[in-house]
Protein backbone atom coordinates (compact mmCIF):
# COMPACT_ATOMS: atom_id res chain seq x y z
CA GLN A 1 -46.62 -27.48 65.77
CA VAL A 2 -44.65 -25.15 68.01
CA THR A 3 -41.19 -24.26 66.80
CA LEU A 4 -38.56 -21.58 67.22
CA VAL A 5 -36.34 -21.60 64.16
CA GLU A 6 -32.90 -20.13 64.62
CA SER A 7 -30.75 -19.01 61.71
CA GLY A 8 -27.70 -16.91 60.95
CA GLY A 9 -24.98 -18.98 62.57
CA GLY A 10 -21.77 -19.94 60.85
CA LEU A 11 -18.00 -19.75 60.89
CA VAL A 12 -16.39 -16.37 61.42
CA GLN A 13 -12.94 -15.10 62.32
CA ALA A 14 -12.27 -13.44 65.64
CA GLY A 15 -13.38 -9.83 65.52
CA GLY A 16 -16.15 -10.57 63.04
CA SER A 17 -19.91 -10.24 63.37
CA LEU A 18 -22.97 -12.41 62.99
CA ARG A 19 -26.67 -11.71 63.26
CA LEU A 20 -28.87 -14.48 64.58
CA THR A 21 -32.61 -14.56 63.95
CA CYS A 22 -35.27 -16.56 65.72
CA ALA A 23 -38.63 -17.00 64.01
CA ALA A 24 -41.56 -18.35 66.00
CA SER A 25 -44.07 -20.67 64.42
CA GLY A 26 -47.19 -21.99 66.11
CA VAL A 27 -46.50 -19.82 69.13
CA SER A 28 -46.49 -16.11 69.80
CA VAL A 29 -43.67 -14.20 71.43
CA ASP A 30 -45.91 -11.22 72.18
CA HIS A 31 -46.29 -10.78 75.97
CA TRP A 32 -43.45 -13.23 76.66
CA GLY A 33 -39.87 -12.59 77.66
CA MET A 34 -37.37 -14.04 75.20
CA ALA A 35 -33.75 -15.05 75.46
CA TRP A 36 -30.77 -16.35 73.55
CA ILE A 37 -29.03 -19.17 75.36
CA ARG A 38 -25.82 -20.89 74.30
CA GLN A 39 -24.22 -24.19 75.09
CA ASP A 40 -20.79 -25.56 74.26
CA PRO A 41 -20.23 -29.33 74.62
CA GLY A 42 -19.19 -30.17 78.17
CA LYS A 43 -20.43 -26.87 79.51
CA GLU A 44 -23.67 -25.76 81.09
CA ARG A 45 -26.23 -23.70 79.25
CA GLU A 46 -25.64 -19.97 79.60
CA LEU A 47 -28.11 -17.17 79.04
CA VAL A 48 -26.37 -14.77 76.68
CA GLY A 49 -29.06 -12.13 76.46
CA GLY A 50 -32.64 -11.70 77.54
CA ILE A 51 -35.32 -9.17 76.67
CA LYS A 52 -38.37 -8.41 78.72
CA TRP A 53 -41.81 -9.06 77.23
CA ASP A 54 -42.48 -5.31 76.76
CA SER A 55 -38.98 -4.57 75.41
CA GLY A 56 -38.54 -2.37 78.44
CA SER A 57 -35.23 -3.86 79.43
CA THR A 58 -32.50 -6.24 78.39
CA LYS A 59 -29.91 -8.24 80.27
CA TYR A 60 -26.62 -9.80 79.16
CA THR A 61 -24.04 -12.09 80.60
CA ASP A 62 -20.93 -10.12 81.53
CA SER A 63 -18.70 -11.59 78.83
CA VAL A 64 -20.85 -10.22 75.98
CA LYS A 65 -21.85 -6.82 77.34
CA GLY A 66 -21.08 -4.09 74.85
CA ARG A 67 -20.69 -6.62 72.02
CA PHE A 68 -24.08 -8.33 71.72
CA THR A 69 -27.53 -6.76 71.31
CA ILE A 70 -30.85 -8.55 71.62
CA SER A 71 -34.00 -7.13 70.05
CA ARG A 72 -37.49 -8.26 69.17
CA ASP A 73 -40.26 -7.60 66.66
CA ASP A 74 -43.52 -8.85 68.10
CA ALA A 75 -45.46 -8.07 64.93
CA LYS A 76 -43.25 -10.56 63.10
CA ASP A 77 -42.76 -12.94 66.06
CA THR A 78 -38.99 -12.68 65.69
CA VAL A 79 -36.08 -12.14 68.03
CA THR A 80 -32.59 -11.23 66.89
CA LEU A 81 -29.13 -11.27 68.41
CA GLN A 82 -26.53 -8.99 66.86
CA MET A 83 -23.07 -10.24 67.77
CA ASN A 84 -20.03 -8.03 67.17
CA SER A 85 -16.36 -8.43 68.03
CA LEU A 86 -16.77 -12.17 68.25
CA GLN A 87 -14.19 -14.15 70.17
CA PRO A 88 -13.24 -17.86 70.06
CA ASN A 89 -14.86 -18.42 73.45
CA ASP A 90 -18.19 -17.35 71.93
CA THR A 91 -18.20 -20.63 70.00
CA ALA A 92 -21.34 -22.60 70.91
CA VAL A 93 -24.78 -23.65 69.76
CA TYR A 94 -27.10 -20.68 70.18
CA SER A 95 -30.79 -21.25 70.84
CA CYS A 96 -33.66 -18.87 71.38
CA ALA A 97 -36.17 -19.62 74.06
CA ARG A 98 -39.40 -18.25 75.47
CA ASP A 99 -39.98 -17.52 79.13
CA ARG A 100 -42.20 -20.04 80.88
CA GLN A 101 -44.00 -17.20 82.67
CA ARG A 102 -46.11 -14.78 80.68
CA ARG A 103 -45.37 -11.09 81.29
CA ARG A 104 -42.70 -11.75 83.90
CA SER A 105 -41.81 -8.38 85.43
CA TRP A 106 -38.09 -9.15 85.43
CA ILE A 107 -35.61 -11.04 83.24
CA SER A 108 -34.59 -14.42 84.53
CA THR A 109 -31.01 -15.50 83.84
CA ALA A 110 -31.74 -19.16 84.60
CA PRO A 111 -32.04 -21.29 81.45
CA ALA A 112 -34.53 -23.49 83.30
CA SER A 113 -36.95 -20.54 83.24
CA TYR A 114 -37.28 -20.87 79.46
CA SER A 115 -38.88 -23.28 77.01
CA PHE A 116 -36.90 -24.44 73.99
CA TRP A 117 -38.57 -25.48 70.77
CA GLY A 118 -35.74 -25.25 68.27
CA GLN A 119 -32.54 -26.99 67.21
CA GLY A 120 -30.26 -24.02 67.68
CA THR A 121 -27.67 -22.62 65.31
CA GLN A 122 -23.94 -23.28 65.49
CA VAL A 123 -21.61 -20.32 65.89
CA THR A 124 -17.91 -21.04 65.45
CA VAL A 125 -15.29 -18.33 65.91
CA SER A 126 -11.78 -19.08 64.71
CA PRO A 127 -8.71 -17.35 66.21
């Protein structure tokens, strides 16, 4: 069974930090671009951060640049998202996802480019 299990979400006050972890099971992340994508009810999915399959580059949506960091450990099939200086508008369900194209040479910012196999983890930031 293919799953991506996200953990680390929760309730935090504005200015706080959380570290999200995505653990792959039944599927490898090695040689695949990975991303964290969030969705708030009534809003479209938004790619928060993406990392290229070879860890050679990362990309972030403008609102989180300088606050969030995505990283990966292919030996452990895990992807993490370190979130600092959290703000109320960061509140959403955060999901990790794997690129549909193996070894893509660039990072797609379109959520439709990724496959989702997990339930996501809720992040709630209070004022």
